[in-house]
All heavy atoms as atom14 arrays in JSON, in Angstrom:
{
  "sequence": "VALVGGFPSTDGQPYADFFETRDGVMPFPGWDPFEGPDSADLDEE",
  "atom14_mask": [
    [1, 1, 1, 1, 1, 1, 1, 0, 0, 0, 0, 0, 0, 0],
    [1, 1, 1, 1, 1, 0, 0, 0, 0, 0, 0, 0, 0, 0],
    [1, 1, 1, 1, 1, 1, 1, 1, 0, 0, 0, 0, 0, 0],
    [1, 1, 1, 1, 1, 1, 1, 0, 0, 0, 0, 0, 0, 0],
    [1, 1, 1, 1, 0, 0, 0, 0, 0, 0, 0, 0, 0, 0],
    [1, 1, 1, 1, 0, 0, 0, 0, 0, 0, 0, 0, 0, 0],
    [1, 1, 1, 1, 1, 1, 1, 1, 1, 1, 1, 0, 0, 0],
    [1, 1, 1, 1, 1, 1, 1, 0, 0, 0, 0, 0, 0, 0],
    [1, 1, 1, 1, 1, 1, 0, 0, 0, 0, 0, 0, 0, 0],
    [1, 1, 1, 1, 1, 1, 1, 0, 0, 0, 0, 0, 0, 0],
    [1, 1, 1, 1, 1, 1, 1, 1, 0, 0, 0, 0, 0, 0],
    [1, 1, 1, 1, 0, 0, 0, 0, 0, 0, 0, 0, 0, 0],
    [1, 1, 1, 1, 1, 1, 1, 1, 1, 0, 0, 0, 0, 0],
    [1, 1, 1, 1, 1, 1, 1, 0, 0, 0, 0, 0, 0, 0],
    [1, 1, 1, 1, 1, 1, 1, 1, 1, 1, 1, 1, 0, 0],
    [1, 1, 1, 1, 1, 0, 0, 0, 0, 0, 0, 0, 0, 0],
    [1, 1, 1, 1, 1, 1, 1, 1, 0, 0, 0, 0, 0, 0],
    [1, 1, 1, 1, 1, 1, 1, 1, 1, 1, 1, 0, 0, 0],
    [1, 1, 1, 1, 1, 1, 1, 1, 1, 1, 1, 0, 0, 0],
    [1, 1, 1, 1, 1, 1, 1, 1, 1, 0, 0, 0, 0, 0],
    [1, 1, 1, 1, 1, 1, 1, 0, 0, 0, 0, 0, 0, 0],
    [1, 1, 1, 1, 1, 1, 1, 1, 1, 1, 1, 0, 0, 0],
    [1, 1, 1, 1, 1, 1, 1, 1, 0, 0, 0, 0, 0, 0],
    [1, 1, 1, 1, 0, 0, 0, 0, 0, 0, 0, 0, 0, 0],
    [1, 1, 1, 1, 1, 1, 1, 0, 0, 0, 0, 0, 0, 0],
    [1, 1, 1, 1, 1, 1, 1, 1, 0, 0, 0, 0, 0, 0],
    [1, 1, 1, 1, 1, 1, 1, 0, 0, 0, 0, 0, 0, 0],
    [1, 1, 1, 1, 1, 1, 1, 1, 1, 1, 1, 0, 0, 0],
    [1, 1, 1, 1, 1, 1, 1, 0, 0, 0, 0, 0, 0, 0],
    [1, 1, 1, 1, 0, 0, 0, 0, 0, 0, 0, 0, 0, 0],
    [1, 1, 1, 1, 1, 1, 1, 1, 1, 1, 1, 1, 1, 1],
    [1, 1, 1, 1, 1, 1, 1, 1, 0, 0, 0, 0, 0, 0],
    [1, 1, 1, 1, 1, 1, 1, 0, 0, 0, 0, 0, 0, 0],
    [1, 1, 1, 1, 1, 1, 1, 1, 1, 1, 1, 0, 0, 0],
    [1, 1, 1, 1, 1, 1, 1, 1, 1, 0, 0, 0, 0, 0],
    [1, 1, 1, 1, 0, 0, 0, 0, 0, 0, 0, 0, 0, 0],
    [1, 1, 1, 1, 1, 1, 1, 0, 0, 0, 0, 0, 0, 0],
    [1, 1, 1, 1, 1, 1, 1, 1, 0, 0, 0, 0, 0, 0],
    [1, 1, 1, 1, 1, 1, 0, 0, 0, 0, 0, 0, 0, 0],
    [1, 1, 1, 1, 1, 0, 0, 0, 0, 0, 0, 0, 0, 0],
    [1, 1, 1, 1, 1, 1, 1, 1, 0, 0, 0, 0, 0, 0],
    [1, 1, 1, 1, 1, 1, 1, 1, 0, 0, 0, 0, 0, 0],
    [1, 1, 1, 1, 1, 1, 1, 1, 0, 0, 0, 0, 0, 0],
    [1, 1, 1, 1, 1, 1, 1, 1, 1, 0, 0, 0, 0, 0],
    [1, 1, 1, 1, 1, 1, 1, 1, 1, 0, 0, 0, 0, 0]
  ],
  "atom14_positions": [
    [[84.77, 86.76, 153.06], [84.81, 88.12, 153.57], [85.84, 88.9, 152.75], [86.94, 88.41, 152.51], [85.2, 88.15, 155.07], [85.51, 89.56, 155.52], [84.07, 87.57, 155.92], [0.0, 0.0, 0.0], [0.0, 0.0, 0.0], [0.0, 0.0, 0.0], [0.0, 0.0, 0.0], [0.0, 0.0, 0.0], [0.0, 0.0, 0.0], [0.0, 0.0, 0.0]],
    [[85.46, 90.1, 152.32], [86.4, 90.99, 151.63], [86.52, 92.26, 152.45], [85.5, 92.88, 152.8], [85.93, 91.3, 150.22], [0.0, 0.0, 0.0], [0.0, 0.0, 0.0], [0.0, 0.0, 0.0], [0.0, 0.0, 0.0], [0.0, 0.0, 0.0], [0.0, 0.0, 0.0], [0.0, 0.0, 0.0], [0.0, 0.0, 0.0], [0.0, 0.0, 0.0]],
    [[87.74, 92.64, 152.78], [88.0, 93.82, 153.6], [88.7, 94.86, 152.74], [89.74, 94.58, 152.14], [88.86, 93.45, 154.81], [88.36, 92.28, 155.67], [89.27, 92.09, 156.88], [86.92, 92.49, 156.1], [0.0, 0.0, 0.0], [0.0, 0.0, 0.0], [0.0, 0.0, 0.0], [0.0, 0.0, 0.0], [0.0, 0.0, 0.0], [0.0, 0.0, 0.0]],
    [[88.15, 96.07, 152.71], [88.66, 97.14, 151.86], [89.23, 98.24, 152.76], [88.48, 98.92, 153.48], [87.55, 97.71, 150.96], [88.12, 98.81, 150.06], [86.9, 96.61, 150.14], [0.0, 0.0, 0.0], [0.0, 0.0, 0.0], [0.0, 0.0, 0.0], [0.0, 0.0, 0.0], [0.0, 0.0, 0.0], [0.0, 0.0, 0.0], [0.0, 0.0, 0.0]],
    [[90.54, 98.4, 152.74], [91.16, 99.5, 153.46], [91.1, 99.39, 154.96], [91.03, 100.42, 155.65], [0.0, 0.0, 0.0], [0.0, 0.0, 0.0], [0.0, 0.0, 0.0], [0.0, 0.0, 0.0], [0.0, 0.0, 0.0], [0.0, 0.0, 0.0], [0.0, 0.0, 0.0], [0.0, 0.0, 0.0], [0.0, 0.0, 0.0], [0.0, 0.0, 0.0]],
    [[91.16, 98.19, 155.48], [91.13, 98.04, 156.93], [91.34, 96.6, 157.36], [91.46, 95.69, 156.53], [0.0, 0.0, 0.0], [0.0, 0.0, 0.0], [0.0, 0.0, 0.0], [0.0, 0.0, 0.0], [0.0, 0.0, 0.0], [0.0, 0.0, 0.0], [0.0, 0.0, 0.0], [0.0, 0.0, 0.0], [0.0, 0.0, 0.0], [0.0, 0.0, 0.0]],
    [[91.37, 96.42, 158.68], [91.58, 95.12, 159.29], [90.6, 94.96, 160.45], [90.21, 95.94, 161.08], [93.01, 95.0, 159.82], [94.08, 95.18, 158.78], [94.61, 96.43, 158.53], [94.52, 94.1, 158.04], [95.58, 96.61, 157.56], [95.5, 94.26, 157.07], [96.03, 95.53, 156.82], [0.0, 0.0, 0.0], [0.0, 0.0, 0.0], [0.0, 0.0, 0.0]],
    [[90.2, 93.74, 160.75], [89.25, 93.55, 161.85], [89.9, 93.75, 163.21], [91.05, 93.36, 163.43], [88.79, 92.1, 161.66], [89.91, 91.43, 160.94], [90.53, 92.48, 160.07], [0.0, 0.0, 0.0], [0.0, 0.0, 0.0], [0.0, 0.0, 0.0], [0.0, 0.0, 0.0], [0.0, 0.0, 0.0], [0.0, 0.0, 0.0], [0.0, 0.0, 0.0]],
    [[89.15, 94.35, 164.11], [89.59, 94.48, 165.49], [89.54, 93.11, 166.17], [88.86, 92.19, 165.7], [88.7, 95.46, 166.25], [88.77, 96.75, 165.67], [0.0, 0.0, 0.0], [0.0, 0.0, 0.0], [0.0, 0.0, 0.0], [0.0, 0.0, 0.0], [0.0, 0.0, 0.0], [0.0, 0.0, 0.0], [0.0, 0.0, 0.0], [0.0, 0.0, 0.0]],
    [[90.23, 92.99, 167.29], [90.23, 91.75, 168.04], [89.19, 91.79, 169.15], [88.65, 92.84, 169.49], [91.62, 91.49, 168.65], [91.99, 92.6, 169.47], [92.66, 91.31, 167.57], [0.0, 0.0, 0.0], [0.0, 0.0, 0.0], [0.0, 0.0, 0.0], [0.0, 0.0, 0.0], [0.0, 0.0, 0.0], [0.0, 0.0, 0.0], [0.0, 0.0, 0.0]],
    [[88.92, 90.64, 169.71], [87.95, 90.53, 170.8], [88.33, 91.44, 171.96], [89.49, 91.47, 172.38], [87.87, 89.08, 171.28], [86.85, 88.89, 172.37], [85.66, 89.07, 172.09], [87.26, 88.58, 173.51], [0.0, 0.0, 0.0], [0.0, 0.0, 0.0], [0.0, 0.0, 0.0], [0.0, 0.0, 0.0], [0.0, 0.0, 0.0], [0.0, 0.0, 0.0]],
    [[87.35, 92.18, 172.45], [87.57, 93.05, 173.6], [87.99, 94.46, 173.26], [88.02, 95.32, 174.15], [0.0, 0.0, 0.0], [0.0, 0.0, 0.0], [0.0, 0.0, 0.0], [0.0, 0.0, 0.0], [0.0, 0.0, 0.0], [0.0, 0.0, 0.0], [0.0, 0.0, 0.0], [0.0, 0.0, 0.0], [0.0, 0.0, 0.0], [0.0, 0.0, 0.0]],
    [[88.31, 94.73, 172.01], [88.7, 96.08, 171.61], [87.47, 96.93, 171.31], [86.42, 96.42, 170.94], [89.57, 96.03, 170.35], [90.98, 95.56, 170.54], [91.79, 95.71, 169.26], [91.29, 95.48, 168.17], [93.04, 96.11, 169.4], [0.0, 0.0, 0.0], [0.0, 0.0, 0.0], [0.0, 0.0, 0.0], [0.0, 0.0, 0.0], [0.0, 0.0, 0.0]],
    [[87.61, 98.27, 171.43], [86.54, 99.15, 170.93], [86.42, 98.99, 169.42], [87.41, 98.76, 168.73], [87.02, 100.55, 171.3], [88.07, 100.36, 172.33], [88.71, 99.03, 172.05], [0.0, 0.0, 0.0], [0.0, 0.0, 0.0], [0.0, 0.0, 0.0], [0.0, 0.0, 0.0], [0.0, 0.0, 0.0], [0.0, 0.0, 0.0], [0.0, 0.0, 0.0]],
    [[85.21, 99.16, 168.93], [84.96, 98.99, 167.5], [85.72, 100.02, 166.66], [86.46, 99.66, 165.74], [83.46, 99.08, 167.23], [83.09, 99.14, 165.77], [83.37, 98.08, 164.92], [82.45, 100.26, 165.24], [83.03, 98.13, 163.57], [82.1, 100.31, 163.9], [82.4, 99.26, 163.08], [82.06, 99.31, 161.75], [0.0, 0.0, 0.0], [0.0, 0.0, 0.0]],
    [[85.55, 101.29, 166.95], [86.17, 102.33, 166.11], [86.28, 103.64, 166.87], [85.86, 104.7, 166.38], [85.37, 102.51, 164.83], [0.0, 0.0, 0.0], [0.0, 0.0, 0.0], [0.0, 0.0, 0.0], [0.0, 0.0, 0.0], [0.0, 0.0, 0.0], [0.0, 0.0, 0.0], [0.0, 0.0, 0.0], [0.0, 0.0, 0.0], [0.0, 0.0, 0.0]],
    [[86.88, 103.6, 168.04], [86.97, 104.79, 168.89], [88.17, 105.63, 168.46], [89.13, 105.82, 169.21], [87.1, 104.36, 170.36], [86.85, 105.51, 171.32], [86.37, 106.57, 170.88], [87.15, 105.35, 172.52], [0.0, 0.0, 0.0], [0.0, 0.0, 0.0], [0.0, 0.0, 0.0], [0.0, 0.0, 0.0], [0.0, 0.0, 0.0], [0.0, 0.0, 0.0]],
    [[88.09, 106.16, 167.23], [89.24, 106.82, 166.62], [89.24, 108.33, 166.79], [90.29, 108.96, 166.78], [89.28, 106.51, 165.11], [89.29, 105.05, 164.78], [88.57, 104.57, 163.7], [90.03, 104.14, 165.53], [88.58, 103.23, 163.37], [90.05, 102.79, 165.21], [89.31, 102.34, 164.12], [0.0, 0.0, 0.0], [0.0, 0.0, 0.0], [0.0, 0.0, 0.0]],
    [[88.04, 108.93, 166.88], [87.94, 110.38, 166.85], [87.06, 110.87, 168.0], [86.33, 110.11, 168.62], [87.36, 110.85, 165.5], [88.16, 110.39, 164.32], [87.75, 109.29, 163.56], [89.33, 111.03, 163.97], [88.49, 108.86, 162.48], [90.09, 110.61, 162.88], [89.67, 109.52, 162.14], [0.0, 0.0, 0.0], [0.0, 0.0, 0.0], [0.0, 0.0, 0.0]],
    [[87.11, 112.16, 168.23], [86.37, 112.77, 169.33], [84.86, 112.63, 169.11], [84.36, 112.76, 167.99], [86.74, 114.25, 169.42], [86.01, 115.02, 170.52], [86.34, 116.5, 170.5], [87.14, 116.93, 169.64], [85.77, 117.23, 171.33], [0.0, 0.0, 0.0], [0.0, 0.0, 0.0], [0.0, 0.0, 0.0], [0.0, 0.0, 0.0], [0.0, 0.0, 0.0]],
    [[84.15, 112.36, 170.2], [82.7, 112.39, 170.16], [82.21, 113.66, 170.85], [82.81, 114.13, 171.82], [82.09, 111.16, 170.85], [82.56, 111.07, 172.2], [82.48, 109.88, 170.11], [0.0, 0.0, 0.0], [0.0, 0.0, 0.0], [0.0, 0.0, 0.0], [0.0, 0.0, 0.0], [0.0, 0.0, 0.0], [0.0, 0.0, 0.0], [0.0, 0.0, 0.0]],
    [[81.11, 114.2, 170.32], [80.5, 115.4, 170.89], [79.0, 115.25, 170.88], [78.42, 114.83, 169.86], [80.89, 116.65, 170.09], [82.38, 116.94, 170.05], [82.65, 118.37, 169.54], [82.09, 118.6, 168.22], [82.76, 118.37, 167.09], [84.0, 117.9, 167.13], [82.19, 118.62, 165.91], [0.0, 0.0, 0.0], [0.0, 0.0, 0.0], [0.0, 0.0, 0.0]],
    [[78.38, 115.57, 171.99], [76.92, 115.52, 172.08], [76.36, 114.16, 171.66], [75.32, 114.05, 171.01], [76.28, 116.62, 171.22], [76.72, 118.01, 171.64], [76.86, 118.25, 172.86], [76.95, 118.85, 170.75], [0.0, 0.0, 0.0], [0.0, 0.0, 0.0], [0.0, 0.0, 0.0], [0.0, 0.0, 0.0], [0.0, 0.0, 0.0], [0.0, 0.0, 0.0]],
    [[77.08, 113.11, 172.03], [76.59, 111.77, 171.81], [76.85, 111.18, 170.45], [76.36, 110.09, 170.15], [0.0, 0.0, 0.0], [0.0, 0.0, 0.0], [0.0, 0.0, 0.0], [0.0, 0.0, 0.0], [0.0, 0.0, 0.0], [0.0, 0.0, 0.0], [0.0, 0.0, 0.0], [0.0, 0.0, 0.0], [0.0, 0.0, 0.0], [0.0, 0.0, 0.0]],
    [[77.63, 111.89, 169.61], [77.92, 111.37, 168.28], [79.39, 111.6, 167.94], [80.07, 112.44, 168.56], [77.05, 112.04, 167.18], [75.58, 111.72, 167.4], [77.29, 113.54, 167.13], [0.0, 0.0, 0.0], [0.0, 0.0, 0.0], [0.0, 0.0, 0.0], [0.0, 0.0, 0.0], [0.0, 0.0, 0.0], [0.0, 0.0, 0.0], [0.0, 0.0, 0.0]],
    [[79.87, 110.83, 166.97], [81.2, 111.05, 166.41], [81.03, 111.68, 165.03], [80.73, 111.01, 164.04], [81.97, 109.72, 166.29], [83.36, 109.87, 165.67], [84.21, 108.28, 165.48], [84.66, 107.95, 167.19], [0.0, 0.0, 0.0], [0.0, 0.0, 0.0], [0.0, 0.0, 0.0], [0.0, 0.0, 0.0], [0.0, 0.0, 0.0], [0.0, 0.0, 0.0]],
    [[81.2, 113.02, 164.93], [81.04, 113.66, 163.64], [82.27, 113.43, 162.75], [83.35, 113.08, 163.23], [80.91, 115.14, 164.0], [81.65, 115.28, 165.29], [81.49, 113.97, 166.01], [0.0, 0.0, 0.0], [0.0, 0.0, 0.0], [0.0, 0.0, 0.0], [0.0, 0.0, 0.0], [0.0, 0.0, 0.0], [0.0, 0.0, 0.0], [0.0, 0.0, 0.0]],
    [[82.08, 113.62, 161.46], [83.22, 113.58, 160.54], [84.21, 114.65, 160.97], [83.85, 115.82, 161.12], [82.74, 113.82, 159.12], [83.85, 113.88, 158.1], [84.68, 112.8, 157.91], [84.05, 115.04, 157.35], [85.72, 112.85, 156.97], [85.07, 115.1, 156.41], [85.9, 114.01, 156.22], [0.0, 0.0, 0.0], [0.0, 0.0, 0.0], [0.0, 0.0, 0.0]],
    [[85.49, 114.3, 161.17], [86.44, 115.26, 161.74], [87.07, 116.21, 160.74], [87.96, 116.98, 161.1], [87.52, 114.34, 162.34], [87.52, 113.15, 161.44], [86.08, 112.95, 161.04], [0.0, 0.0, 0.0], [0.0, 0.0, 0.0], [0.0, 0.0, 0.0], [0.0, 0.0, 0.0], [0.0, 0.0, 0.0], [0.0, 0.0, 0.0], [0.0, 0.0, 0.0]],
    [[86.61, 116.2, 159.51], [87.25, 117.01, 158.48], [88.39, 116.23, 157.84], [88.68, 115.09, 158.2], [0.0, 0.0, 0.0], [0.0, 0.0, 0.0], [0.0, 0.0, 0.0], [0.0, 0.0, 0.0], [0.0, 0.0, 0.0], [0.0, 0.0, 0.0], [0.0, 0.0, 0.0], [0.0, 0.0, 0.0], [0.0, 0.0, 0.0], [0.0, 0.0, 0.0]],
    [[89.08, 116.85, 156.9], [90.05, 116.14, 156.09], [91.46, 116.12, 156.68], [92.31, 115.35, 156.22], [90.08, 116.72, 154.67], [88.81, 116.39, 153.95], [87.81, 117.23, 153.62], [88.4, 115.09, 153.51], [86.79, 116.55, 153.0], [87.13, 115.23, 152.92], [88.98, 113.82, 153.56], [86.43, 114.16, 152.38], [88.29, 112.75, 153.03], [87.03, 112.92, 152.44]],
    [[91.72, 116.95, 157.68], [93.08, 117.01, 158.23], [93.62, 115.64, 158.66], [94.77, 115.3, 158.34], [93.16, 118.0, 159.39], [93.14, 119.44, 158.91], [93.27, 119.67, 157.69], [93.0, 120.35, 159.76], [0.0, 0.0, 0.0], [0.0, 0.0, 0.0], [0.0, 0.0, 0.0], [0.0, 0.0, 0.0], [0.0, 0.0, 0.0], [0.0, 0.0, 0.0]],
    [[92.84, 114.81, 159.38], [93.38, 113.51, 159.8], [93.65, 112.56, 158.63], [94.35, 111.55, 158.81], [92.28, 112.94, 160.71], [91.45, 114.1, 161.11], [91.5, 115.04, 159.95], [0.0, 0.0, 0.0], [0.0, 0.0, 0.0], [0.0, 0.0, 0.0], [0.0, 0.0, 0.0], [0.0, 0.0, 0.0], [0.0, 0.0, 0.0], [0.0, 0.0, 0.0]],
    [[93.12, 112.88, 157.46], [93.24, 111.97, 156.33], [94.14, 112.5, 155.22], [94.18, 111.93, 154.13], [91.85, 111.67, 155.75], [90.89, 111.11, 156.76], [89.85, 111.87, 157.25], [91.03, 109.82, 157.23], [88.96, 111.36, 158.18], [90.16, 109.29, 158.16], [89.11, 110.07, 158.65], [0.0, 0.0, 0.0], [0.0, 0.0, 0.0], [0.0, 0.0, 0.0]],
    [[94.86, 113.57, 155.5], [95.75, 114.1, 154.47], [96.85, 113.08, 154.17], [97.32, 112.37, 155.06], [96.36, 115.43, 154.92], [95.38, 116.6, 154.88], [94.73, 116.79, 153.51], [95.41, 116.6, 152.49], [93.53, 117.12, 153.47], [0.0, 0.0, 0.0], [0.0, 0.0, 0.0], [0.0, 0.0, 0.0], [0.0, 0.0, 0.0], [0.0, 0.0, 0.0]],
    [[97.27, 113.04, 152.91], [98.27, 112.06, 152.5], [97.64, 110.97, 151.65], [96.68, 111.21, 150.92], [0.0, 0.0, 0.0], [0.0, 0.0, 0.0], [0.0, 0.0, 0.0], [0.0, 0.0, 0.0], [0.0, 0.0, 0.0], [0.0, 0.0, 0.0], [0.0, 0.0, 0.0], [0.0, 0.0, 0.0], [0.0, 0.0, 0.0], [0.0, 0.0, 0.0]],
    [[98.16, 109.75, 151.75], [97.68, 108.66, 150.88], [96.19, 108.37, 151.01], [95.56, 107.94, 150.03], [98.52, 107.46, 151.34], [99.76, 108.06, 151.92], [99.32, 109.33, 152.56], [0.0, 0.0, 0.0], [0.0, 0.0, 0.0], [0.0, 0.0, 0.0], [0.0, 0.0, 0.0], [0.0, 0.0, 0.0], [0.0, 0.0, 0.0], [0.0, 0.0, 0.0]],
    [[95.6, 108.59, 152.19], [94.17, 108.32, 152.36], [93.32, 109.08, 151.37], [92.35, 108.54, 150.83], [93.72, 108.69, 153.78], [94.1, 107.67, 154.82], [94.61, 106.6, 154.44], [93.9, 107.94, 156.01], [0.0, 0.0, 0.0], [0.0, 0.0, 0.0], [0.0, 0.0, 0.0], [0.0, 0.0, 0.0], [0.0, 0.0, 0.0], [0.0, 0.0, 0.0]],
    [[93.63, 110.35, 151.16], [92.72, 111.22, 150.4], [93.37, 111.87, 149.18], [92.76, 112.74, 148.56], [92.18, 112.33, 151.32], [93.25, 113.15, 151.8], [0.0, 0.0, 0.0], [0.0, 0.0, 0.0], [0.0, 0.0, 0.0], [0.0, 0.0, 0.0], [0.0, 0.0, 0.0], [0.0, 0.0, 0.0], [0.0, 0.0, 0.0], [0.0, 0.0, 0.0]],
    [[94.56, 111.45, 148.81], [95.29, 112.1, 147.73], [94.54, 112.05, 146.41], [94.71, 112.91, 145.54], [96.68, 111.49, 147.58], [0.0, 0.0, 0.0], [0.0, 0.0, 0.0], [0.0, 0.0, 0.0], [0.0, 0.0, 0.0], [0.0, 0.0, 0.0], [0.0, 0.0, 0.0], [0.0, 0.0, 0.0], [0.0, 0.0, 0.0], [0.0, 0.0, 0.0]],
    [[93.7, 111.03, 146.21], [93.0, 110.88, 144.94], [91.61, 111.5, 144.95], [90.87, 111.36, 143.97], [92.92, 109.4, 144.55], [92.14, 108.56, 145.55], [92.04, 108.98, 146.72], [91.65, 107.48, 145.16], [0.0, 0.0, 0.0], [0.0, 0.0, 0.0], [0.0, 0.0, 0.0], [0.0, 0.0, 0.0], [0.0, 0.0, 0.0], [0.0, 0.0, 0.0]],
    [[91.24, 112.18, 146.01], [89.92, 112.81, 146.09], [90.02, 114.25, 145.61], [90.78, 115.05, 146.17], [89.39, 112.79, 147.52], [89.1, 111.43, 148.15], [88.67, 111.6, 149.6], [88.03, 110.68, 147.37], [0.0, 0.0, 0.0], [0.0, 0.0, 0.0], [0.0, 0.0, 0.0], [0.0, 0.0, 0.0], [0.0, 0.0, 0.0], [0.0, 0.0, 0.0]],
    [[89.23, 114.62, 144.6], [89.23, 116.02, 144.17], [88.36, 116.85, 145.12], [87.67, 116.31, 145.99], [88.77, 116.14, 142.72], [87.37, 115.59, 142.47], [86.54, 115.58, 143.4], [87.1, 115.15, 141.34], [0.0, 0.0, 0.0], [0.0, 0.0, 0.0], [0.0, 0.0, 0.0], [0.0, 0.0, 0.0], [0.0, 0.0, 0.0], [0.0, 0.0, 0.0]],
    [[88.4, 118.15, 144.94], [87.69, 119.05, 145.86], [86.19, 118.83, 145.82], [85.51, 118.91, 146.85], [88.04, 120.51, 145.56], [89.44, 120.91, 145.95], [89.73, 120.65, 147.42], [88.85, 120.92, 148.26], [90.82, 120.14, 147.73], [0.0, 0.0, 0.0], [0.0, 0.0, 0.0], [0.0, 0.0, 0.0], [0.0, 0.0, 0.0], [0.0, 0.0, 0.0]],
    [[85.65, 118.55, 144.65], [84.21, 118.3, 144.56], [83.82, 117.07, 145.37], [82.82, 117.08, 146.11], [83.81, 118.12, 143.1], [82.32, 117.85, 142.93], [81.94, 117.58, 141.48], [82.81, 117.71, 140.6], [80.77, 117.21, 141.24], [0.0, 0.0, 0.0], [0.0, 0.0, 0.0], [0.0, 0.0, 0.0], [0.0, 0.0, 0.0], [0.0, 0.0, 0.0]]
  ]
}
């Protein structure tokens, strides 16, 4: 197993309940939550 940029959750935890859900889906929340090291190497395009 190779894990890139993350760690596995433990038994009994939610899979990825990180952001708000609306109308039954979790949309991309925009770049604000990822400012800093997460997205520093991403250009505007």
